[in-house]
């Protein structure tokens, strides 16, 4: 697995990278709330997304709490909810969150968008480039 730290790179870099992969399957995985992630997934034309789910009543009104938290479970949710065979795909992950260890461990290439020493704490084979 190839790992890189993209220090001083931000959202513009991610959006630029996504636009280069028009023939790729894009899965957006975030622990943010589902309405926010859904809107962003539409904006970047993601094929699927996973997010923390708010609880809704039978009338569609939000109950004010999270019914399913995606924190630390993104890979599990992608494999369960996205209609792709992740075992036959090349997986590239962009993250700034050390809680994404499940994604990191299941990716071919990981771009960690935070301080390099933070990544070392969660994965000892990290290399800078």
C-alpha atoms as a PDB file:
ATOM      1  CA  UNK A   1       0.000   0.000   0.000  1.00  0.00           C
ATOM      2  CA  UNK A   2       1.292   3.434  -0.911  1.00  0.00           C
ATOM      3  CA  UNK A   3       0.782   6.203   1.630  1.00  0.00           C
ATOM      4  CA  UNK A   4       1.417   9.894   1.156  1.00  0.00           C
ATOM      5  CA  UNK A   5       0.992  12.977   3.254  1.00  0.00           C
ATOM      6  CA  UNK A   6      -0.164  15.972   1.302  1.00  0.00           C
ATOM      7  CA  UNK A   7       0.797  18.672   3.726  1.00  0.00           C
ATOM      8  CA  UNK A   8      -0.660  22.077   2.893  1.00  0.00           C
ATOM      9  CA  UNK A   9      -3.091  20.504   0.424  1.00  0.00           C
ATOM     10  CA  UNK A  10      -6.766  21.081   0.970  1.00  0.00           C
ATOM     11  CA  UNK A  11     -10.206  20.677  -0.516  1.00  0.00           C
ATOM     12  CA  UNK A  12      -9.195  22.157  -3.872  1.00  0.00           C
ATOM     13  CA  UNK A  13      -6.698  19.331  -4.324  1.00  0.00           C
ATOM     14  CA  UNK A  14      -9.312  16.696  -3.530  1.00  0.00           C
ATOM     15  CA  UNK A  15     -11.824  18.178  -5.968  1.00  0.00           C
ATOM     16  CA  UNK A  16      -9.132  18.345  -8.642  1.00  0.00           C
ATOM     17  CA  UNK A  17      -8.217  14.693  -8.053  1.00  0.00           C
ATOM     18  CA  UNK A  18     -11.848  13.582  -8.191  1.00  0.00           C
ATOM     19  CA  UNK A  19     -12.348  15.343 -11.517  1.00  0.00           C
ATOM     20  CA  UNK A  20      -9.445  13.328 -12.999  1.00  0.00           C
ATOM     21  CA  UNK A  21     -11.227  10.025 -12.353  1.00  0.00           C
ATOM     22  CA  UNK A  22     -14.320  10.297 -14.515  1.00  0.00           C
ATOM     23  CA  UNK A  23     -14.330   6.554 -15.306  1.00  0.00           C
ATOM     24  CA  UNK A  24     -13.842   5.533 -11.687  1.00  0.00           C
ATOM     25  CA  UNK A  25     -16.413   4.612  -9.078  1.00  0.00           C
ATOM     26  CA  UNK A  26     -16.466   7.336  -6.441  1.00  0.00           C
ATOM     27  CA  UNK A  27     -17.739   6.523  -2.961  1.00  0.00           C
ATOM     28  CA  UNK A  28     -17.931   9.397  -0.517  1.00  0.00           C
ATOM     29  CA  UNK A  29     -17.564   8.254   3.084  1.00  0.00           C
ATOM     30  CA  UNK A  30     -18.020  10.709   5.922  1.00  0.00           C
ATOM     31  CA  UNK A  31     -19.105  10.636   9.537  1.00  0.00           C
ATOM     32  CA  UNK A  32     -20.862  13.953   8.900  1.00  0.00           C
ATOM     33  CA  UNK A  33     -24.655  13.984   8.886  1.00  0.00           C
ATOM     34  CA  UNK A  34     -26.445  12.376   5.945  1.00  0.00           C
ATOM     35  CA  UNK A  35     -28.150  15.531   4.547  1.00  0.00           C
ATOM     36  CA  UNK A  36     -24.792  17.306   4.267  1.00  0.00           C
ATOM     37  CA  UNK A  37     -22.967  14.337   2.777  1.00  0.00           C
ATOM     38  CA  UNK A  38     -25.829  13.651   0.378  1.00  0.00           C
ATOM     39  CA  UNK A  39     -25.658  17.206  -0.984  1.00  0.00           C
ATOM     40  CA  UNK A  40     -21.882  17.062  -1.398  1.00  0.00           C
ATOM     41  CA  UNK A  41     -22.073  13.622  -3.031  1.00  0.00           C
ATOM     42  CA  UNK A  42     -24.454  15.071  -5.644  1.00  0.00           C
ATOM     43  CA  UNK A  43     -22.111  18.017  -6.194  1.00  0.00           C
ATOM     44  CA  UNK A  44     -19.107  15.792  -6.945  1.00  0.00           C
ATOM     45  CA  UNK A  45     -21.266  13.218  -8.773  1.00  0.00           C
ATOM     46  CA  UNK A  46     -20.305  10.398  -6.415  1.00  0.00           C
ATOM     47  CA  UNK A  47     -21.682   6.978  -7.279  1.00  0.00           C
ATOM     48  CA  UNK A  48     -22.566   6.295  -3.656  1.00  0.00           C
ATOM     49  CA  UNK A  49     -22.075   7.748  -0.199  1.00  0.00           C
ATOM     50  CA  UNK A  50     -22.136   6.667   3.415  1.00  0.00           C
ATOM     51  CA  UNK A  51     -22.656   9.002   6.361  1.00  0.00           C
ATOM     52  CA  UNK A  52     -23.918   9.186   9.909  1.00  0.00           C
ATOM     53  CA  UNK A  53     -27.694   8.847   9.733  1.00  0.00           C
ATOM     54  CA  UNK A  54     -30.099  11.097  11.564  1.00  0.00           C
ATOM     55  CA  UNK A  55     -33.215   9.510  13.048  1.00  0.00           C
ATOM     56  CA  UNK A  56     -36.517  10.502  11.402  1.00  0.00           C
ATOM     57  CA  UNK A  57     -40.102   9.873  12.435  1.00  0.00           C
ATOM     58  CA  UNK A  58     -42.804   8.445  10.147  1.00  0.00           C
ATOM     59  CA  UNK A  59     -43.555  11.965   8.847  1.00  0.00           C
ATOM     60  CA  UNK A  60     -39.951  12.525   7.827  1.00  0.00           C
ATOM     61  CA  UNK A  61     -39.215  14.931  10.670  1.00  0.00           C
ATOM     62  CA  UNK A  62     -35.810  14.706  12.272  1.00  0.00           C
ATOM     63  CA  UNK A  63     -35.908  13.434  15.838  1.00  0.00           C
ATOM     64  CA  UNK A  64     -32.724  15.298  16.751  1.00  0.00           C
ATOM     65  CA  UNK A  65     -30.317  12.416  17.250  1.00  0.00           C
ATOM     66  CA  UNK A  66     -28.067  10.126  15.228  1.00  0.00           C
ATOM     67  CA  UNK A  67     -29.499   6.674  14.599  1.00  0.00           C
ATOM     68  CA  UNK A  68     -26.381   5.225  12.924  1.00  0.00           C
ATOM     69  CA  UNK A  69     -22.921   6.729  13.516  1.00  0.00           C
ATOM     70  CA  UNK A  70     -20.406   6.163  10.687  1.00  0.00           C
ATOM     71  CA  UNK A  71     -17.372   7.079  12.809  1.00  0.00           C
ATOM     72  CA  UNK A  72     -14.750   4.358  12.462  1.00  0.00           C
ATOM     73  CA  UNK A  73     -17.121   2.212  10.340  1.00  0.00           C
ATOM     74  CA  UNK A  74     -16.842   3.716   6.869  1.00  0.00           C
ATOM     75  CA  UNK A  75     -15.358   0.660   5.155  1.00  0.00           C
ATOM     76  CA  UNK A  76     -18.028  -1.565   6.689  1.00  0.00           C
ATOM     77  CA  UNK A  77     -20.748   0.828   5.490  1.00  0.00           C
ATOM     78  CA  UNK A  78     -19.288   1.103   1.983  1.00  0.00           C
ATOM     79  CA  UNK A  79     -19.107  -2.672   1.593  1.00  0.00           C
ATOM     80  CA  UNK A  80     -22.639  -3.056   2.961  1.00  0.00           C
ATOM     81  CA  UNK A  81     -24.420  -0.124   1.287  1.00  0.00           C
ATOM     82  CA  UNK A  82     -22.658   0.666  -1.990  1.00  0.00           C
ATOM     83  CA  UNK A  83     -23.428  -1.523  -4.959  1.00  0.00           C
ATOM     84  CA  UNK A  84     -19.817  -2.142  -5.962  1.00  0.00           C
ATOM     85  CA  UNK A  85     -17.547  -5.102  -5.491  1.00  0.00           C
ATOM     86  CA  UNK A  86     -14.818  -3.445  -3.428  1.00  0.00           C
ATOM     87  CA  UNK A  87     -12.722  -6.615  -3.589  1.00  0.00           C
ATOM     88  CA  UNK A  88     -12.258  -6.081  -7.327  1.00  0.00           C
ATOM     89  CA  UNK A  89     -11.640  -2.350  -7.266  1.00  0.00           C
ATOM     90  CA  UNK A  90      -8.504  -0.319  -6.836  1.00  0.00           C
ATOM     91  CA  UNK A  91      -9.212   1.749  -3.724  1.00  0.00           C
ATOM     92  CA  UNK A  92      -7.732   5.206  -3.301  1.00  0.00           C
ATOM     93  CA  UNK A  93      -8.556   6.986  -0.043  1.00  0.00           C
ATOM     94  CA  UNK A  94      -8.246  10.662   0.805  1.00  0.00           C
ATOM     95  CA  UNK A  95      -8.628  11.352   4.508  1.00  0.00           C
ATOM     96  CA  UNK A  96      -7.743  13.808   7.236  1.00  0.00           C
ATOM     97  CA  UNK A  97      -9.106  11.642  10.018  1.00  0.00           C
ATOM     98  CA  UNK A  98      -7.201   9.059  12.045  1.00  0.00           C
ATOM     99  CA  UNK A  99     -10.510   7.326  12.801  1.00  0.00           C
ATOM    100  CA  UNK A 100     -10.550   6.183   9.164  1.00  0.00           C
ATOM    101  CA  UNK A 101      -8.190   3.307   9.970  1.00  0.00           C
ATOM    102  CA  UNK A 102     -10.705   0.848   8.468  1.00  0.00           C
ATOM    103  CA  UNK A 103     -10.528   2.693   5.145  1.00  0.00           C
ATOM    104  CA  UNK A 104      -6.750   3.065   5.354  1.00  0.00           C
ATOM    105  CA  UNK A 105      -6.217  -0.640   5.940  1.00  0.00           C
ATOM    106  CA  UNK A 106      -8.398  -1.562   2.942  1.00  0.00           C
ATOM    107  CA  UNK A 107      -6.956   0.937   0.453  1.00  0.00           C
ATOM    108  CA  UNK A 108      -4.309   0.558  -2.222  1.00  0.00           C
ATOM    109  CA  UNK A 109      -3.255   4.212  -1.959  1.00  0.00           C
ATOM    110  CA  UNK A 110      -3.891   6.518   0.995  1.00  0.00           C
ATOM    111  CA  UNK A 111      -3.512  10.286   0.918  1.00  0.00           C
ATOM    112  CA  UNK A 112      -3.508  11.551   4.480  1.00  0.00           C
ATOM    113  CA  UNK A 113      -4.338  15.249   4.591  1.00  0.00           C
ATOM    114  CA  UNK A 114      -2.990  16.177   7.994  1.00  0.00           C
ATOM    115  CA  UNK A 115       0.311  16.354   9.822  1.00  0.00           C
ATOM    116  CA  UNK A 116       2.566  13.416   8.969  1.00  0.00           C
ATOM    117  CA  UNK A 117       3.279  12.657  12.616  1.00  0.00           C
ATOM    118  CA  UNK A 118      -0.451  12.109  13.200  1.00  0.00           C
ATOM    119  CA  UNK A 119      -0.466   9.389  10.554  1.00  0.00           C
ATOM    120  CA  UNK A 120       2.555   7.698  12.120  1.00  0.00           C
ATOM    121  CA  UNK A 121       0.494   7.262  15.272  1.00  0.00           C
ATOM    122  CA  UNK A 122      -2.054   5.129  13.437  1.00  0.00           C
ATOM    123  CA  UNK A 123       0.112   3.342  10.868  1.00  0.00           C
ATOM    124  CA  UNK A 124       3.785   2.613  11.404  1.00  0.00           C
ATOM    125  CA  UNK A 125       4.661   2.040   7.715  1.00  0.00           C
ATOM    126  CA  UNK A 126       3.852   5.601   6.690  1.00  0.00           C
ATOM    127  CA  UNK A 127       6.217   7.243   4.185  1.00  0.00           C
ATOM    128  CA  UNK A 128       6.373  10.873   3.130  1.00  0.00           C
ATOM    129  CA  UNK A 129       6.557  11.873  -0.528  1.00  0.00           C
END
